[in-house]
Amino acid sequence: MAFRTDPLMSFVQQKLGSAYFKDIITSHLDSTLTIPNYFALSDSTKLPVDSIRNNKLSALNTVNTVLDKIPISPFTGSNGWVISPAKSQSGKVLFGNDTHIGFSQPSVWYEAHLEYPGFSFYGNFLAGFPFAAIGHTREMAWGLTMFENDDLDFYSERLKPGDSTKYWSDGKWQVLKSVKKYIQVKGEGDVPLTVMSSRHGPLVHRVMPEWKQVTENAVSMWWTHLKFANNLMQVTYEMNHAKSMDEFQHGVSQLISPGLNVMYGDKEGNIAWWAAGRLMKRAHGVNPVLLLDGSKYNLDPTGYLDFGSNPQSVNPPSGFVYSANNQPDSTPGQGFYPGYYTPDDRAVRINKLFEEKNIFSIEDLHRISLDARSLATPKIASNILNSIRSEVKQKSAAHTNATKILLMWDGEHQLRNQAPTIYYKLLYYVLQMAMEDELGAENFKLLLSTHALKNSVTSFVQNDSSVWWNDVNTIDVKESRNIIFEKAFDKTVADLVAQLGKNTDSWEWGRVHMLEHKHPIGMKKPFNLMFNVGPFPVPGGQEVINQMGFDLNAMVFTE
């Protein structure tokens, strides 16, 4: 996410200005629900079952192109939760994890049961990797969501005129490190690749042309992933073969990158969540989503946190741990760790569902994992429609009916609902009409793929004074928020009438929200008919627990 977000946020801040940048949320807000910490690491701190049963859960608080084309998606929209025996109908730990790697054909995951004397394991593997990412033994179970922590910073490096092998650093010219590598190509000669690096890391501006719109300097990359030897084999081996929570935690503590939320439960009744990964310490005042001045040592990372300081919760009084890619709570002396966290929509819904009861069964977890209701989207839709209701009254029957559908929406994303069909198209046009004129088409498309925009939508539609509302292409007219809302709603209704007919009852989510398991060969027609599975209508949507996300766009629907 840093590759998508940082160049774009630097462009907004430097080229458009702070008035535009402040309306895009890139850091923690006090109103955001965070994953609560509970630093208790031994059996002696585990609370008695009775005290937990009586405690209600209310206390719970170019690169883009490459990513679009690769057949495997990251864990985007993953959920995980673990219920202690005190909250469980069976009196044993209940564990749930939905690790959202994108659907494909063949599946990214494959299941395997390994059994030999002294070892019994069932888990989900990634092809080519010998140890399971998620699974359970007879002693314990674990799962993952992406931590979404920011472990990557970009630096502007001034190269010496006439000598591009040197860069300006701390008042003097330093020599860039040069390493030549060779890419082997089948049937042809090796292709040489020279990697130049400053003290921060490799220069990346030649392979990330989006930096050209921000700076004429070279750009280097400090990435924790490149600072240490890859040890994922060791980490996953220890997780797969652990015999106790302490052994399992030791394996988790060795993880460097990528950052992962590790969910854990065992037959002894322990439950835990660890935000795992090597977390860098940054100097005070550094904004890691913006391009930093590489000539100043005081903007460099100052070290790494000990694992014991990472966000985590072990046997909390609530009897419940969870993760939904959202912001973890602050930690002592560190505050809120920066990252590309998803909105708290799923977290809020998860907490609400777990507050409704005090004791849970396996069937309850099944129901929660398939929940497709958003508490956030109806509020956004109402904010837009209530701002323009008087204008809509004078228009077509489709306008009137679409308004009623959105204002009565309870946030459900089921196949028979019409509201999601209207809402996502409307949201796209609101954002496009507000932002594309300043950003340009490519940058706007890139912004749509960031979590920063997802986090900004609620506050943005409420802010009628944002500079984004004015269309910079109209010299004599200053557009207001309501003008944009009205134009976007008109365009939405016109599109849906043309695509799905005048009868708004037929604008069902199941007609337009389809899942297809795509095979790499099936990317090209007509091979899709032979290799792909689907498409099928599916419930769910963006940032609901049953996360069935999609790229927000004009959504030209076809049968």
Protein backbone atom coordinates (compact mmCIF):
# COMPACT_ATOMS: atom_id res chain seq x y z
CA MET A 1 0.00 0.00 0.00
CA ALA A 2 2.95 2.36 0.54
CA PHE A 3 3.89 2.05 -3.13
CA ARG A 4 0.40 3.25 -4.07
CA THR A 5 -0.14 5.82 -1.34
CA ASP A 6 3.12 7.67 -0.64
CA PRO A 7 3.85 9.08 -4.13
CA LEU A 8 0.24 10.20 -4.46
CA MET A 9 0.04 11.82 -1.01
CA SER A 10 3.35 13.59 -1.68
CA PHE A 11 1.91 14.91 -4.95
CA VAL A 12 -1.26 16.15 -3.24
CA GLN A 13 0.67 17.85 -0.44
CA GLN A 14 3.40 19.42 -2.58
CA LYS A 15 1.60 20.23 -5.83
CA LEU A 16 -2.02 20.85 -4.74
CA GLY A 17 -1.30 22.15 -1.25
CA SER A 18 -2.08 21.52 2.40
CA ALA A 19 -5.75 22.51 2.01
CA TYR A 20 -6.24 19.48 -0.26
CA PHE A 21 -3.97 17.16 1.72
CA LYS A 22 -5.72 17.71 5.08
CA ASP A 23 -9.01 16.33 3.74
CA ILE A 24 -7.44 12.92 3.06
CA ILE A 25 -7.04 10.93 6.26
CA THR A 26 -3.61 9.33 6.53
CA SER A 27 -3.24 9.03 10.32
CA HIS A 28 -5.23 7.99 13.38
CA LEU A 29 -8.39 9.87 14.36
CA ASP A 30 -9.64 9.83 17.95
CA SER A 31 -13.10 8.81 16.71
CA THR A 32 -11.74 5.61 15.11
CA LEU A 33 -12.31 2.28 16.87
CA THR A 34 -8.97 0.58 17.55
CA ILE A 35 -8.01 -2.97 18.45
CA PRO A 36 -7.51 -2.84 22.24
CA ASN A 37 -4.20 -3.88 23.78
CA TYR A 38 -3.82 -6.03 26.86
CA PHE A 39 -0.21 -6.66 27.85
CA ALA A 40 -0.44 -9.84 29.90
CA LEU A 41 2.03 -12.52 28.89
CA SER A 42 1.83 -15.30 31.45
CA ASP A 43 -0.66 -17.78 32.91
CA SER A 44 -0.59 -15.95 36.21
CA THR A 45 -2.38 -12.98 34.64
CA LYS A 46 -5.26 -15.01 33.17
CA LEU A 47 -8.55 -13.95 34.73
CA PRO A 48 -10.96 -16.44 36.35
CA VAL A 49 -13.75 -17.72 34.11
CA ASP A 50 -16.51 -16.25 36.29
CA SER A 51 -15.08 -12.74 36.15
CA ILE A 52 -14.96 -12.88 32.36
CA ARG A 53 -18.49 -14.25 32.02
CA ASN A 54 -19.81 -11.27 33.96
CA ASN A 55 -17.88 -8.74 31.88
CA LYS A 56 -19.89 -7.48 28.87
CA LEU A 57 -17.98 -6.83 25.67
CA SER A 58 -18.95 -3.15 25.58
CA ALA A 59 -15.45 -2.31 26.92
CA LEU A 60 -13.92 -3.24 23.55
CA ASN A 61 -12.84 -0.47 22.07
CA THR A 62 3.14 1.65 -12.21
CA VAL A 63 3.43 -0.41 -9.07
CA ASN A 64 -0.34 -0.14 -8.94
CA THR A 65 -0.59 -1.66 -12.39
CA VAL A 66 1.67 -4.56 -11.43
CA LEU A 67 -0.40 -5.24 -8.32
CA ASP A 68 -3.57 -5.20 -10.41
CA LYS A 69 -2.16 -7.77 -12.85
CA ILE A 70 -0.61 -10.32 -10.51
CA PRO A 71 -2.91 -13.34 -10.03
CA ILE A 72 -2.58 -13.39 -6.21
CA SER A 73 -4.14 -10.64 -4.11
CA PRO A 74 -2.93 -9.80 -0.58
CA PHE A 75 -4.89 -10.43 2.64
CA THR A 76 -7.18 -7.45 2.06
CA GLY A 77 -10.32 -7.39 4.16
CA SER A 78 -9.38 -10.28 6.44
CA ASN A 79 -11.17 -10.90 9.74
CA GLY A 80 -10.21 -12.90 12.78
CA TRP A 81 -11.55 -13.39 16.30
CA VAL A 82 -10.98 -15.73 19.22
CA ILE A 83 -13.45 -16.32 22.06
CA SER A 84 -12.28 -17.51 25.47
CA PRO A 85 -13.86 -20.53 27.22
CA ALA A 86 -15.72 -18.10 29.49
CA LYS A 87 -17.65 -16.75 26.47
CA SER A 88 -18.04 -20.12 24.75
CA GLN A 89 -21.08 -22.37 24.91
CA SER A 90 -18.79 -25.41 24.82
CA GLY A 91 -16.51 -24.11 27.56
CA LYS A 92 -13.59 -24.27 25.13
CA VAL A 93 -11.89 -21.66 22.95
CA LEU A 94 -13.78 -20.74 19.77
CA PHE A 95 -11.61 -19.60 16.88
CA GLY A 96 -12.57 -17.93 13.60
CA ASN A 97 -10.43 -16.59 10.76
CA ASP A 98 -11.28 -15.45 7.25
CA THR A 99 -8.03 -14.65 5.45
CA HIS A 100 -9.00 -12.72 2.35
CA ILE A 101 -6.61 -13.64 -0.40
CA GLY A 102 -8.44 -13.00 -3.66
CA PHE A 103 -10.36 -15.82 -5.32
CA SER A 104 -8.67 -17.55 -8.25
CA GLN A 105 -8.63 -20.73 -10.26
CA PRO A 106 -6.82 -22.84 -9.13
CA SER A 107 -7.24 -21.63 -5.57
CA VAL A 108 -4.35 -19.79 -3.92
CA TRP A 109 -4.82 -21.86 -0.78
CA TYR A 110 -4.62 -25.62 -0.62
CA GLU A 111 -5.55 -27.66 2.43
CA ALA A 112 -3.46 -30.47 3.84
CA HIS A 113 -3.59 -32.78 6.84
CA LEU A 114 -0.14 -33.93 7.96
CA GLU A 115 0.08 -36.83 10.40
CA TYR A 116 3.13 -38.70 11.65
CA PRO A 117 4.27 -39.91 15.10
CA GLY A 118 4.48 -36.92 17.40
CA PHE A 119 2.93 -34.48 14.90
CA SER A 120 -0.67 -33.88 13.86
CA PHE A 121 -1.53 -30.80 11.84
CA TYR A 122 -4.27 -29.52 9.56
CA GLY A 123 -3.80 -26.24 7.73
CA ASN A 124 -3.93 -24.06 4.66
CA PHE A 125 -0.78 -23.74 2.57
CA LEU A 126 0.41 -21.44 -0.18
CA ALA A 127 1.82 -23.28 -3.20
CA GLY A 128 5.61 -23.60 -3.10
CA PHE A 129 5.94 -22.79 0.61
CA PRO A 130 6.57 -25.81 2.89
CA PHE A 131 4.91 -24.60 6.11
CA ALA A 132 1.29 -23.57 6.60
CA ALA A 133 0.35 -19.93 7.04
CA ILE A 134 -2.81 -20.79 9.00
CA GLY A 135 -4.07 -23.95 10.64
CA HIS A 136 -4.40 -25.97 13.83
CA THR A 137 -2.74 -28.80 15.70
CA ARG A 138 -4.35 -30.82 18.49
CA GLU A 139 -3.08 -28.20 20.94
CA MET A 140 -3.70 -24.84 19.25
CA ALA A 141 -5.10 -22.89 16.29
CA TRP A 142 -3.97 -19.69 14.60
CA GLY A 143 -4.88 -17.40 11.73
CA LEU A 144 -3.79 -14.17 10.08
CA THR A 145 -4.89 -10.78 8.89
CA MET A 146 -2.62 -8.15 7.39
CA PHE A 147 -1.30 -5.74 10.04
CA GLU A 148 -1.08 -2.93 7.42
CA ASN A 149 1.74 -1.25 9.37
CA ASP A 150 3.92 1.28 7.53
CA ASP A 151 7.42 -0.22 7.26
CA LEU A 152 8.51 1.71 4.17
CA ASP A 153 9.69 5.33 3.76
CA PHE A 154 10.80 7.20 0.65
CA TYR A 155 13.63 9.77 0.58
CA SER A 156 14.52 12.50 -1.90
CA GLU A 157 18.21 12.21 -2.83
CA ARG A 158 20.11 15.03 -4.59
CA LEU A 159 22.65 13.56 -7.01
CA LYS A 160 25.86 15.43 -7.80
CA PRO A 161 25.65 17.33 -11.11
CA GLY A 162 27.90 15.61 -13.63
CA ASP A 163 28.51 12.62 -11.32
CA SER A 164 25.41 10.54 -10.65
CA THR A 165 27.41 8.09 -8.51
CA LYS A 166 27.35 10.55 -5.58
CA TYR A 167 24.54 12.04 -3.48
CA TRP A 168 24.34 14.91 -0.97
CA SER A 169 24.06 13.73 2.62
CA ASP A 170 24.58 15.59 5.88
CA GLY A 171 26.61 18.38 4.30
CA LYS A 172 28.87 16.38 1.99
CA TRP A 173 28.86 14.22 -1.12
CA GLN A 174 28.62 10.50 -0.42
CA VAL A 175 29.21 7.62 -2.84
CA LEU A 176 26.22 5.53 -3.87
CA LYS A 177 26.59 1.81 -3.40
CA SER A 178 26.42 -0.09 -6.70
CA VAL A 179 25.48 -3.75 -7.07
CA LYS A 180 25.16 -5.49 -10.45
CA LYS A 181 22.63 -8.31 -10.71
CA TYR A 182 21.63 -10.51 -13.61
CA ILE A 183 18.15 -11.56 -14.65
CA GLN A 184 18.10 -14.88 -16.42
CA VAL A 185 15.81 -15.04 -19.47
CA LYS A 186 14.90 -18.35 -21.04
CA GLY A 187 16.39 -18.73 -24.51
CA GLU A 188 18.28 -15.45 -24.34
CA GLY A 189 21.30 -13.92 -22.66
CA ASP A 190 21.24 -12.64 -19.11
CA VAL A 191 19.95 -9.10 -18.64
CA PRO A 192 22.23 -7.00 -16.40
CA LEU A 193 20.63 -4.79 -13.76
CA THR A 194 22.63 -2.26 -11.78
CA VAL A 195 21.07 -1.35 -8.42
CA MET A 196 22.25 1.95 -6.94
CA SER A 197 21.62 2.55 -3.22
CA SER A 198 21.98 5.43 -0.81
CA ARG A 199 22.27 4.87 2.93
CA HIS A 200 18.47 4.58 2.98
CA GLY A 201 18.19 1.87 0.36
CA PRO A 202 17.85 1.33 -3.40
CA LEU A 203 17.04 4.18 -5.80
CA VAL A 204 13.58 3.49 -7.20
CA HIS A 205 12.61 6.60 -9.19
CA ARG A 206 13.39 4.95 -12.54
CA VAL A 207 10.94 2.12 -11.91
CA MET A 208 8.38 4.36 -10.17
CA PRO A 209 7.76 7.12 -12.72
CA GLU A 210 4.99 8.58 -10.54
CA TRP A 211 7.73 10.26 -8.48
CA LYS A 212 8.55 12.49 -11.46
CA GLN A 213 5.43 14.55 -10.77
CA VAL A 214 6.70 15.22 -7.23
CA THR A 215 10.47 15.81 -7.54
CA GLU A 216 13.33 16.07 -10.02
CA ASN A 217 15.64 14.37 -7.52
CA ALA A 218 16.37 10.69 -7.24
CA VAL A 219 14.17 8.78 -4.78
CA SER A 220 15.41 6.03 -2.48
CA MET A 221 13.46 3.53 -0.40
CA TRP A 222 13.98 2.46 3.20
CA TRP A 223 12.05 -0.79 3.54
CA THR A 224 12.30 -2.97 6.62
CA HIS A 225 11.71 -5.99 4.37
CA LEU A 226 15.10 -5.36 2.72
CA LYS A 227 17.05 -4.58 5.89
CA PHE A 228 17.06 -8.12 7.31
CA ALA A 229 17.42 -11.63 5.97
CA ASN A 230 14.10 -13.26 5.10
CA ASN A 231 13.18 -15.59 7.98
CA LEU A 232 9.60 -16.62 7.10
CA MET A 233 10.67 -20.28 6.94
CA GLN A 234 11.86 -20.16 10.54
CA VAL A 235 8.80 -18.24 11.74
CA THR A 236 6.24 -20.54 10.14
CA TYR A 237 8.17 -23.67 11.16
CA GLU A 238 8.08 -22.58 14.81
CA MET A 239 4.36 -21.74 14.57
CA ASN A 240 3.56 -25.11 12.98
CA HIS A 241 5.55 -27.12 15.54
CA ALA A 242 4.93 -25.14 18.76
CA LYS A 243 3.78 -27.13 21.80
CA SER A 244 2.80 -24.19 24.01
CA MET A 245 1.74 -20.55 23.79
CA ASP A 246 5.22 -19.45 24.84
CA GLU A 247 6.82 -21.44 22.00
CA PHE A 248 4.26 -20.12 19.54
CA GLN A 249 4.78 -16.53 20.69
CA HIS A 250 8.54 -16.94 20.27
CA GLY A 251 8.02 -17.89 16.64
CA VAL A 252 5.69 -14.94 16.08
CA SER A 253 8.18 -12.57 17.72
CA GLN A 254 10.80 -13.41 15.07
CA LEU A 255 8.67 -12.12 12.18
CA ILE A 256 10.22 -9.15 10.35
CA SER A 257 8.02 -8.52 7.32
CA PRO A 258 5.27 -8.42 6.17
CA GLY A 259 3.44 -7.21 9.26
CA LEU A 260 0.74 -9.65 10.32
CA ASN A 261 -2.00 -9.77 12.93
CA VAL A 262 -1.64 -13.27 14.36
CA MET A 263 -4.75 -14.67 16.10
CA TYR A 264 -4.25 -17.54 18.55
CA GLY A 265 -6.22 -19.94 20.76
CA ASP A 266 -5.35 -23.20 22.49
CA LYS A 267 -6.87 -26.10 24.41
CA GLU A 268 -5.58 -24.65 27.68
CA GLY A 269 -8.02 -21.76 27.24
CA ASN A 270 -5.50 -19.10 26.18
CA ILE A 271 -6.48 -16.55 23.56
CA ALA A 272 -4.21 -13.92 22.00
CA TRP A 273 -3.65 -11.40 19.24
CA TRP A 274 -0.18 -10.16 18.32
CA ALA A 275 0.64 -7.40 15.82
CA ALA A 276 3.76 -9.10 14.50
CA GLY A 277 6.59 -7.54 12.53
CA ARG A 278 9.74 -5.50 13.11
CA LEU A 279 8.46 -1.97 13.79
CA MET A 280 10.83 0.89 13.07
CA LYS A 281 11.19 3.87 15.37
CA ARG A 282 10.77 7.20 13.60
CA ALA A 283 11.96 10.63 14.62
CA HIS A 284 9.34 12.93 16.13
CA GLY A 285 7.41 14.88 13.49
CA VAL A 286 8.15 12.56 10.56
CA ASN A 287 5.10 11.94 8.37
CA PRO A 288 5.86 8.56 6.78
CA VAL A 289 3.34 8.93 3.92
CA LEU A 290 5.24 11.93 2.52
CA LEU A 291 8.56 12.10 0.67
CA LEU A 292 11.35 12.84 3.17
CA ASP A 293 14.56 14.85 2.76
CA GLY A 294 17.33 12.28 2.35
CA SER A 295 20.11 14.75 3.11
CA LYS A 296 19.13 15.00 6.79
CA TYR A 297 20.10 12.26 9.21
CA ASN A 298 17.49 13.45 11.71
CA LEU A 299 14.73 12.15 9.42
CA ASP A 300 16.14 8.60 9.31
CA PRO A 301 14.61 5.77 11.37
CA THR A 302 16.23 5.62 14.80
CA GLY A 303 15.98 1.87 15.39
CA TYR A 304 13.39 -0.84 15.91
CA LEU A 305 10.97 -1.67 18.72
CA ASP A 306 11.33 -4.76 20.84
CA PHE A 307 8.53 -7.23 20.14
CA GLY A 308 7.21 -6.73 23.67
CA SER A 309 6.27 -3.16 22.70
CA ASN A 310 4.21 -4.23 19.67
CA PRO A 311 0.41 -3.90 19.93
CA GLN A 312 -1.01 -7.12 21.39
CA SER A 313 -3.65 -8.61 23.63
CA VAL A 314 -3.15 -11.81 25.62
CA ASN A 315 -6.01 -13.24 27.72
CA PRO A 316 -7.80 -9.87 28.05
CA PRO A 317 -10.60 -9.34 30.62
CA SER A 318 -13.12 -9.05 27.78
CA GLY A 319 -12.62 -12.72 26.87
CA PHE A 320 -12.39 -11.73 23.22
CA VAL A 321 -9.71 -10.68 20.72
CA TYR A 322 -10.23 -9.68 17.09
CA SER A 323 -8.63 -8.04 14.06
CA ALA A 324 -10.13 -6.54 10.90
CA ASN A 325 -7.06 -4.79 9.39
CA ASN A 326 -7.96 -1.75 11.49
CA GLN A 327 -5.72 0.49 13.58
CA PRO A 328 -4.36 -1.11 16.78
CA ASP A 329 -4.52 0.87 19.99
CA SER A 330 -1.59 3.01 21.10
CA THR A 331 1.23 1.44 23.07
CA PRO A 332 3.13 2.93 26.02
CA GLY A 333 5.66 5.51 24.87
CA GLN A 334 4.92 4.88 21.17
CA GLY A 335 1.41 6.19 20.53
CA PHE A 336 -0.52 4.95 17.49
CA TYR A 337 1.75 3.13 15.07
CA PRO A 338 1.43 4.55 11.53
CA GLY A 339 0.05 2.33 8.81
CA TYR A 340 -2.32 1.90 5.89
CA TYR A 341 -5.17 0.57 8.00
CA THR A 342 -8.63 -0.06 6.63
CA PRO A 343 -11.62 1.94 7.96
CA ASP A 344 -13.10 0.73 11.23
CA ASP A 345 -16.38 -0.28 9.51
CA ARG A 346 -15.86 -4.03 9.95
CA ALA A 347 -14.40 -3.56 13.44
CA VAL A 348 -17.44 -1.58 14.58
CA ARG A 349 -19.80 -4.21 13.20
CA ILE A 350 -17.80 -7.08 14.74
CA ASN A 351 -17.85 -5.42 18.14
CA LYS A 352 -21.57 -4.72 17.90
CA LEU A 353 -22.35 -8.35 17.07
CA PHE A 354 -20.18 -9.61 19.93
CA GLU A 355 -21.91 -7.23 22.34
CA GLU A 356 -25.33 -8.70 21.55
CA LYS A 357 -24.66 -11.89 23.50
CA ASN A 358 -22.51 -13.04 26.38
CA ILE A 359 -22.12 -16.70 25.36
CA PHE A 360 -21.36 -17.83 21.80
CA SER A 361 -21.61 -21.06 19.83
CA ILE A 362 -19.97 -22.27 16.62
CA GLU A 363 -23.23 -21.43 14.81
CA ASP A 364 -22.97 -17.84 16.08
CA LEU A 365 -19.50 -17.53 14.57
CA HIS A 366 -20.75 -18.90 11.24
CA ARG A 367 -23.50 -16.27 11.22
CA ILE A 368 -21.08 -13.45 12.11
CA SER A 369 -18.53 -14.46 9.47
CA LEU A 370 -21.20 -14.15 6.74
CA ASP A 371 -22.66 -10.86 8.01
CA ALA A 372 -23.02 -8.38 5.16
CA ARG A 373 -24.38 -5.30 6.91
CA SER A 374 -22.55 -1.98 6.95
CA LEU A 375 -23.30 0.56 9.66
CA ALA A 376 -21.34 3.28 7.83
CA THR A 377 -22.69 3.30 4.26
CA PRO A 378 -26.35 4.20 5.08
CA LYS A 379 -25.10 7.28 6.96
CA ILE A 380 -23.00 8.37 3.99
CA ALA A 381 -25.89 7.80 1.60
CA SER A 382 -28.30 9.74 3.85
CA ASN A 383 -25.85 12.62 4.12
CA ILE A 384 -25.68 12.91 0.34
CA LEU A 385 -29.42 12.50 -0.32
CA ASN A 386 -30.63 14.73 2.51
CA SER A 387 -28.50 17.53 1.10
CA ILE A 388 -30.32 17.48 -2.26
CA ARG A 389 -33.84 16.12 -1.51
CA SER A 390 -35.58 19.33 -2.56
CA GLU A 391 -33.87 19.25 -5.97
CA VAL A 392 -34.61 15.54 -6.48
CA LYS A 393 -38.36 15.98 -5.90
CA GLN A 394 -38.72 17.76 -9.24
CA LYS A 395 -37.15 14.99 -11.26
CA SER A 396 -38.08 11.52 -12.55
CA ALA A 397 -39.84 8.65 -10.81
CA ALA A 398 -36.52 6.79 -10.86
CA HIS A 399 -34.93 9.68 -8.92
CA THR A 400 -37.71 9.56 -6.33
CA ASN A 401 -37.61 5.79 -5.93
CA ALA A 402 -33.81 5.68 -5.77
CA THR A 403 -33.90 8.34 -3.05
CA LYS A 404 -36.39 6.33 -0.99
CA ILE A 405 -34.34 3.16 -1.39
CA LEU A 406 -31.16 4.81 -0.13
CA LEU A 407 -32.82 6.69 2.74
CA MET A 408 -34.49 3.47 3.98
CA TRP A 409 -31.32 1.35 3.60
CA ASP A 410 -30.22 -0.59 6.66
CA GLY A 411 -26.77 -1.29 5.20
CA GLU A 412 -27.45 -4.87 4.09
CA HIS A 413 -25.60 -6.17 1.02
CA GLN A 414 -27.81 -9.15 0.13
CA LEU A 415 -28.64 -10.27 -3.40
CA ARG A 416 -32.15 -8.76 -3.38
CA ASN A 417 -31.11 -5.34 -2.05
CA GLN A 418 -31.23 -2.44 -4.51
CA ALA A 419 -29.44 0.14 -2.32
CA PRO A 420 -25.85 -1.13 -2.79
CA THR A 421 -26.27 -0.96 -6.56
CA ILE A 422 -27.20 2.72 -6.31
CA TYR A 423 -24.82 3.64 -3.49
CA TYR A 424 -21.50 2.50 -4.97
CA LYS A 425 -22.15 4.09 -8.34
CA LEU A 426 -23.24 7.32 -6.62
CA LEU A 427 -20.16 7.32 -4.39
CA TYR A 428 -17.90 6.85 -7.40
CA TYR A 429 -19.41 9.82 -9.23
CA VAL A 430 -19.28 12.05 -6.14
CA LEU A 431 -15.58 11.32 -5.71
CA GLN A 432 -14.83 11.55 -9.42
CA MET A 433 -16.56 14.89 -9.89
CA ALA A 434 -14.89 16.29 -6.77
CA MET A 435 -11.33 15.02 -7.24
CA GLU A 436 -10.49 13.98 -10.78
CA ASP A 437 -10.20 17.57 -12.05
CA GLU A 438 -7.32 18.26 -9.64
CA LEU A 439 -5.66 14.85 -9.76
CA GLY A 440 -6.10 13.76 -13.36
CA ALA A 441 -7.59 10.44 -14.45
CA GLU A 442 -4.62 8.20 -13.59
CA ASN A 443 -3.97 9.69 -10.15
CA PHE A 444 -7.68 9.55 -9.34
CA LYS A 445 -7.81 5.87 -10.28
CA LEU A 446 -4.79 5.30 -8.05
CA LEU A 447 -6.44 7.18 -5.16
CA LEU A 448 -9.48 4.89 -5.39
CA SER A 449 -7.22 1.91 -4.63
CA THR A 450 -5.88 3.37 -1.37
CA HIS A 451 -7.14 2.85 2.15
CA ALA A 452 -6.53 6.57 2.73
CA LEU A 453 -9.53 7.41 0.55
CA LYS A 454 -11.71 4.75 2.19
CA ASN A 455 -10.89 6.28 5.57
CA SER A 456 -11.73 9.77 4.29
CA VAL A 457 -15.17 9.21 2.71
CA THR A 458 -17.36 9.76 5.79
CA SER A 459 -15.72 13.01 6.87
CA PHE A 460 -15.34 14.19 3.27
CA VAL A 461 -19.03 14.04 2.35
CA GLN A 462 -19.85 15.89 5.59
CA ASN A 463 -17.38 18.70 4.88
CA ASP A 464 -19.20 21.24 2.70
CA SER A 465 -16.23 23.65 2.85
CA SER A 466 -13.61 21.31 1.34
CA VAL A 467 -11.59 22.84 -1.51
CA TRP A 468 -12.06 19.61 -3.46
CA TRP A 469 -15.69 20.44 -4.30
CA ASN A 470 -14.80 23.25 -6.70
CA ASP A 471 -14.13 22.20 -10.30
CA VAL A 472 -10.85 23.87 -11.26
CA ASN A 473 -11.78 23.60 -14.95
CA THR A 474 -14.72 26.02 -14.64
CA ILE A 475 -13.31 29.54 -14.34
CA ASP A 476 -16.51 31.55 -13.86
CA VAL A 477 -18.37 29.11 -11.60
CA LYS A 478 -17.46 27.88 -8.12
CA GLU A 479 -19.10 24.52 -7.54
CA SER A 480 -20.47 23.64 -4.10
CA ARG A 481 -20.75 20.24 -2.45
CA ASN A 482 -24.50 20.08 -3.16
CA ILE A 483 -23.97 20.82 -6.85
CA ILE A 484 -21.58 17.87 -7.04
CA PHE A 485 -24.03 15.67 -5.11
CA GLU A 486 -26.87 16.58 -7.47
CA LYS A 487 -24.84 16.03 -10.64
CA ALA A 488 -23.52 12.71 -9.33
CA PHE A 489 -27.02 11.51 -8.44
CA ASP A 490 -28.36 12.51 -11.85
CA LYS A 491 -25.55 10.60 -13.54
CA THR A 492 -26.11 7.58 -11.29
CA VAL A 493 -29.83 7.37 -12.05
CA ALA A 494 -29.28 7.89 -15.78
CA ASP A 495 -26.68 5.13 -15.88
CA LEU A 496 -28.82 2.64 -13.97
CA VAL A 497 -31.92 3.34 -16.06
CA ALA A 498 -29.87 2.75 -19.21
CA GLN A 499 -28.20 -0.37 -17.87
CA LEU A 500 -30.90 -2.04 -15.73
CA GLY A 501 -34.18 -0.43 -16.80
CA LYS A 502 -36.56 2.18 -15.35
CA ASN A 503 -38.00 -0.13 -12.70
CA THR A 504 -35.84 0.47 -9.63
CA ASP A 505 -37.12 -2.79 -8.08
CA SER A 506 -34.99 -4.60 -10.66
CA TRP A 507 -31.77 -2.84 -9.59
CA GLU A 508 -30.83 -5.78 -7.40
CA TRP A 509 -27.32 -6.28 -6.05
CA GLY A 510 -27.28 -9.86 -7.31
CA ARG A 511 -27.53 -8.63 -10.91
CA VAL A 512 -24.34 -6.60 -10.72
CA HIS A 513 -22.18 -7.99 -7.89
CA MET A 514 -20.55 -11.08 -9.35
CA LEU A 515 -17.72 -13.36 -8.27
CA GLU A 516 -15.55 -15.10 -10.84
CA HIS A 517 -12.66 -17.42 -9.99
CA LYS A 518 -10.23 -16.36 -12.71
CA HIS A 519 -7.47 -18.54 -14.11
CA PRO A 520 -4.35 -16.79 -15.50
CA ILE A 521 -5.09 -18.25 -18.93
CA GLY A 522 -8.74 -17.24 -18.56
CA MET A 523 -7.75 -13.56 -18.42
CA LYS A 524 -8.01 -13.59 -22.23
CA LYS A 525 -11.31 -14.33 -23.95
CA PRO A 526 -12.53 -16.86 -25.03
CA PHE A 527 -10.31 -18.88 -22.65
CA ASN A 528 -12.38 -17.58 -19.74
CA LEU A 529 -15.15 -19.94 -20.82
CA MET A 530 -12.84 -22.94 -20.42
CA PHE A 531 -10.65 -22.02 -17.44
CA ASN A 532 -12.61 -19.64 -15.21
CA VAL A 533 -15.25 -20.68 -12.69
CA GLY A 534 -18.32 -18.44 -12.52
CA PRO A 535 -19.36 -15.69 -12.51
CA PHE A 536 -21.86 -16.11 -9.67
CA PRO A 537 -23.99 -13.48 -7.92
CA VAL A 538 -22.70 -13.04 -4.36
CA PRO A 539 -23.77 -11.01 -1.30
CA GLY A 540 -21.28 -8.84 0.57
CA GLY A 541 -19.47 -5.67 -0.43
CA GLN A 542 -16.78 -3.22 0.53
CA GLU A 543 -15.77 -3.19 4.20
CA VAL A 544 -18.52 -5.48 5.48
CA ILE A 545 -17.55 -8.59 7.44
CA ASN A 546 -18.36 -10.79 4.44
CA GLN A 547 -15.83 -8.72 2.52
CA MET A 548 -16.44 -9.11 -1.21
CA GLY A 549 -14.68 -5.95 -2.31
CA PHE A 550 -14.17 -4.59 -5.79
CA ASP A 551 -12.56 -1.65 -7.51
CA LEU A 552 -14.81 1.38 -7.18
CA ASN A 553 -15.51 2.60 -10.72
CA ALA A 554 -18.32 3.70 -13.03
CA MET A 555 -19.63 0.12 -12.88
CA VAL A 556 -21.01 -0.43 -16.36
CA PHE A 557 -23.27 -3.34 -15.54
CA THR A 558 -24.13 -6.11 -17.98
CA GLU A 559 -26.30 -9.17 -17.60
